[in-house]
């Protein structure tokens, strides 16, 4: 599956919506689940070699409703960023589930 994924992601830039949506869909399909979620981010304390500062992430949900959002915490506190990314990912999933009802 890794080679297949790498081929499908050829040319997609890191931390872009398309990459997060791809991974969320892969999770959903691999687990035969109703919902899949993916969070790609730079927790810190340093930024990424491809140009993003710490505190940036993209979150995608794949399921009956598709959703994607970006987060910029504005700081480089690694633990705090991981917590904020996870909190926001849960919120995005919750909102998608509630919207579906």
C-alpha atoms as a PDB file:
ATOM      1  CA  UNK A   1       0.000   0.000   0.000  1.00  0.00           C
ATOM      2  CA  UNK A   2       2.900   2.395   0.657  1.00  0.00           C
ATOM      3  CA  UNK A   3       4.200   2.290  -2.909  1.00  0.00           C
ATOM      4  CA  UNK A   4       0.668   2.666  -4.215  1.00  0.00           C
ATOM      5  CA  UNK A   5       0.141   5.680  -1.924  1.00  0.00           C
ATOM      6  CA  UNK A   6       3.439   7.258  -2.952  1.00  0.00           C
ATOM      7  CA  UNK A   7       2.516   6.921  -6.605  1.00  0.00           C
ATOM      8  CA  UNK A   8      -0.909   8.471  -6.050  1.00  0.00           C
ATOM      9  CA  UNK A   9       0.612  11.391  -4.119  1.00  0.00           C
ATOM     10  CA  UNK A  10       3.261  12.198  -6.723  1.00  0.00           C
ATOM     11  CA  UNK A  11       3.298  15.964  -7.180  1.00  0.00           C
ATOM     12  CA  UNK A  12       1.079  16.736  -4.167  1.00  0.00           C
ATOM     13  CA  UNK A  13       2.718  19.245  -1.851  1.00  0.00           C
ATOM     14  CA  UNK A  14       3.102  18.393   1.861  1.00  0.00           C
ATOM     15  CA  UNK A  15       0.510  19.879   4.194  1.00  0.00           C
ATOM     16  CA  UNK A  16      -1.919  20.644   1.380  1.00  0.00           C
ATOM     17  CA  UNK A  17      -5.612  19.780   1.590  1.00  0.00           C
ATOM     18  CA  UNK A  18      -5.304  17.107  -1.116  1.00  0.00           C
ATOM     19  CA  UNK A  19      -2.750  15.147   0.918  1.00  0.00           C
ATOM     20  CA  UNK A  20      -4.823  15.201   4.104  1.00  0.00           C
ATOM     21  CA  UNK A  21      -7.967  14.188   2.189  1.00  0.00           C
ATOM     22  CA  UNK A  22      -6.055  11.339   0.553  1.00  0.00           C
ATOM     23  CA  UNK A  23      -4.841   9.973   3.898  1.00  0.00           C
ATOM     24  CA  UNK A  24      -8.263  10.303   5.548  1.00  0.00           C
ATOM     25  CA  UNK A  25      -9.813   8.345   2.686  1.00  0.00           C
ATOM     26  CA  UNK A  26      -7.072   5.708   2.920  1.00  0.00           C
ATOM     27  CA  UNK A  27      -7.748   5.267   6.652  1.00  0.00           C
ATOM     28  CA  UNK A  28     -11.490   4.929   6.051  1.00  0.00           C
ATOM     29  CA  UNK A  29     -11.028   2.385   3.259  1.00  0.00           C
ATOM     30  CA  UNK A  30      -8.264   0.373   4.964  1.00  0.00           C
ATOM     31  CA  UNK A  31     -10.323  -0.011   8.146  1.00  0.00           C
ATOM     32  CA  UNK A  32     -13.616  -0.475   6.259  1.00  0.00           C
ATOM     33  CA  UNK A  33     -14.991   2.295   8.460  1.00  0.00           C
ATOM     34  CA  UNK A  34     -17.687   4.889   7.969  1.00  0.00           C
ATOM     35  CA  UNK A  35     -15.289   7.699   8.846  1.00  0.00           C
ATOM     36  CA  UNK A  36     -11.574   8.322   8.385  1.00  0.00           C
ATOM     37  CA  UNK A  37      -9.539  11.206   9.729  1.00  0.00           C
ATOM     38  CA  UNK A  38      -6.051  12.499   9.023  1.00  0.00           C
ATOM     39  CA  UNK A  39      -3.998  15.248  10.627  1.00  0.00           C
ATOM     40  CA  UNK A  40      -0.730  16.399   9.083  1.00  0.00           C
ATOM     41  CA  UNK A  41       1.152  19.039  10.971  1.00  0.00           C
ATOM     42  CA  UNK A  42       4.300  20.729  12.147  1.00  0.00           C
ATOM     43  CA  UNK A  43       4.158  20.615  15.938  1.00  0.00           C
ATOM     44  CA  UNK A  44       7.541  22.247  16.504  1.00  0.00           C
ATOM     45  CA  UNK A  45       9.570  23.582  17.973  1.00  0.00           C
ATOM     46  CA  UNK A  46      11.197  24.073  14.547  1.00  0.00           C
ATOM     47  CA  UNK A  47       9.384  24.632  11.283  1.00  0.00           C
ATOM     48  CA  UNK A  48       9.453  22.297   8.302  1.00  0.00           C
ATOM     49  CA  UNK A  49      12.041  22.193   5.539  1.00  0.00           C
ATOM     50  CA  UNK A  50       9.246  22.766   3.015  1.00  0.00           C
ATOM     51  CA  UNK A  51       8.393  26.200   4.342  1.00  0.00           C
ATOM     52  CA  UNK A  52       5.827  25.905   7.120  1.00  0.00           C
ATOM     53  CA  UNK A  53       6.333  27.341  10.576  1.00  0.00           C
ATOM     54  CA  UNK A  54       5.592  25.270  13.672  1.00  0.00           C
ATOM     55  CA  UNK A  55       1.938  25.380  14.666  1.00  0.00           C
ATOM     56  CA  UNK A  56       0.515  24.636  11.210  1.00  0.00           C
ATOM     57  CA  UNK A  57      -1.564  21.618  10.305  1.00  0.00           C
ATOM     58  CA  UNK A  58      -4.228  20.435   7.938  1.00  0.00           C
ATOM     59  CA  UNK A  59      -7.015  18.090   9.047  1.00  0.00           C
ATOM     60  CA  UNK A  60      -9.323  16.079   6.799  1.00  0.00           C
ATOM     61  CA  UNK A  61     -12.337  13.865   7.408  1.00  0.00           C
ATOM     62  CA  UNK A  62     -13.526  11.319   4.863  1.00  0.00           C
ATOM     63  CA  UNK A  63     -16.941   9.725   5.078  1.00  0.00           C
ATOM     64  CA  UNK A  64     -20.540  10.506   4.244  1.00  0.00           C
ATOM     65  CA  UNK A  65     -19.421  14.139   4.589  1.00  0.00           C
ATOM     66  CA  UNK A  66     -15.986  15.315   3.526  1.00  0.00           C
ATOM     67  CA  UNK A  67     -14.331  18.123   5.450  1.00  0.00           C
ATOM     68  CA  UNK A  68     -10.931  19.766   5.537  1.00  0.00           C
ATOM     69  CA  UNK A  69      -9.583  22.568   7.680  1.00  0.00           C
ATOM     70  CA  UNK A  70      -6.291  24.275   8.380  1.00  0.00           C
ATOM     71  CA  UNK A  71      -4.970  25.249  11.798  1.00  0.00           C
ATOM     72  CA  UNK A  72      -2.340  27.841  12.655  1.00  0.00           C
ATOM     73  CA  UNK A  73      -1.776  28.079  16.384  1.00  0.00           C
ATOM     74  CA  UNK A  74       0.727  30.918  16.109  1.00  0.00           C
ATOM     75  CA  UNK A  75       3.264  29.340  18.467  1.00  0.00           C
ATOM     76  CA  UNK A  76       5.981  26.672  18.477  1.00  0.00           C
ATOM     77  CA  UNK A  77       5.214  24.850  21.747  1.00  0.00           C
ATOM     78  CA  UNK A  78       5.344  21.237  20.544  1.00  0.00           C
ATOM     79  CA  UNK A  79       3.179  19.627  23.221  1.00  0.00           C
ATOM     80  CA  UNK A  80       0.601  22.394  23.135  1.00  0.00           C
ATOM     81  CA  UNK A  81       0.447  22.198  19.329  1.00  0.00           C
ATOM     82  CA  UNK A  82      -0.082  18.431  19.394  1.00  0.00           C
ATOM     83  CA  UNK A  83      -2.924  18.896  21.861  1.00  0.00           C
ATOM     84  CA  UNK A  84      -4.497  21.708  19.839  1.00  0.00           C
ATOM     85  CA  UNK A  85      -4.193  19.726  16.588  1.00  0.00           C
ATOM     86  CA  UNK A  86      -5.849  16.689  18.201  1.00  0.00           C
ATOM     87  CA  UNK A  87      -8.614  18.818  19.756  1.00  0.00           C
ATOM     88  CA  UNK A  88      -9.360  20.457  16.410  1.00  0.00           C
ATOM     89  CA  UNK A  89      -9.339  17.095  14.611  1.00  0.00           C
ATOM     90  CA  UNK A  90     -11.951  15.802  17.057  1.00  0.00           C
ATOM     91  CA  UNK A  91     -14.040  18.950  16.517  1.00  0.00           C
ATOM     92  CA  UNK A  92     -13.923  18.554  12.723  1.00  0.00           C
ATOM     93  CA  UNK A  93     -15.013  14.914  13.000  1.00  0.00           C
ATOM     94  CA  UNK A  94     -17.775  15.795  15.474  1.00  0.00           C
ATOM     95  CA  UNK A  95     -19.058  18.583  13.204  1.00  0.00           C
ATOM     96  CA  UNK A  96     -19.135  16.230  10.211  1.00  0.00           C
ATOM     97  CA  UNK A  97     -21.057  13.588  12.163  1.00  0.00           C
ATOM     98  CA  UNK A  98     -23.555  16.135  13.536  1.00  0.00           C
ATOM     99  CA  UNK A  99     -24.054  17.683  10.087  1.00  0.00           C
ATOM    100  CA  UNK A 100     -24.832  14.260   8.651  1.00  0.00           C
ATOM    101  CA  UNK A 101     -27.693  13.645  11.091  1.00  0.00           C
END
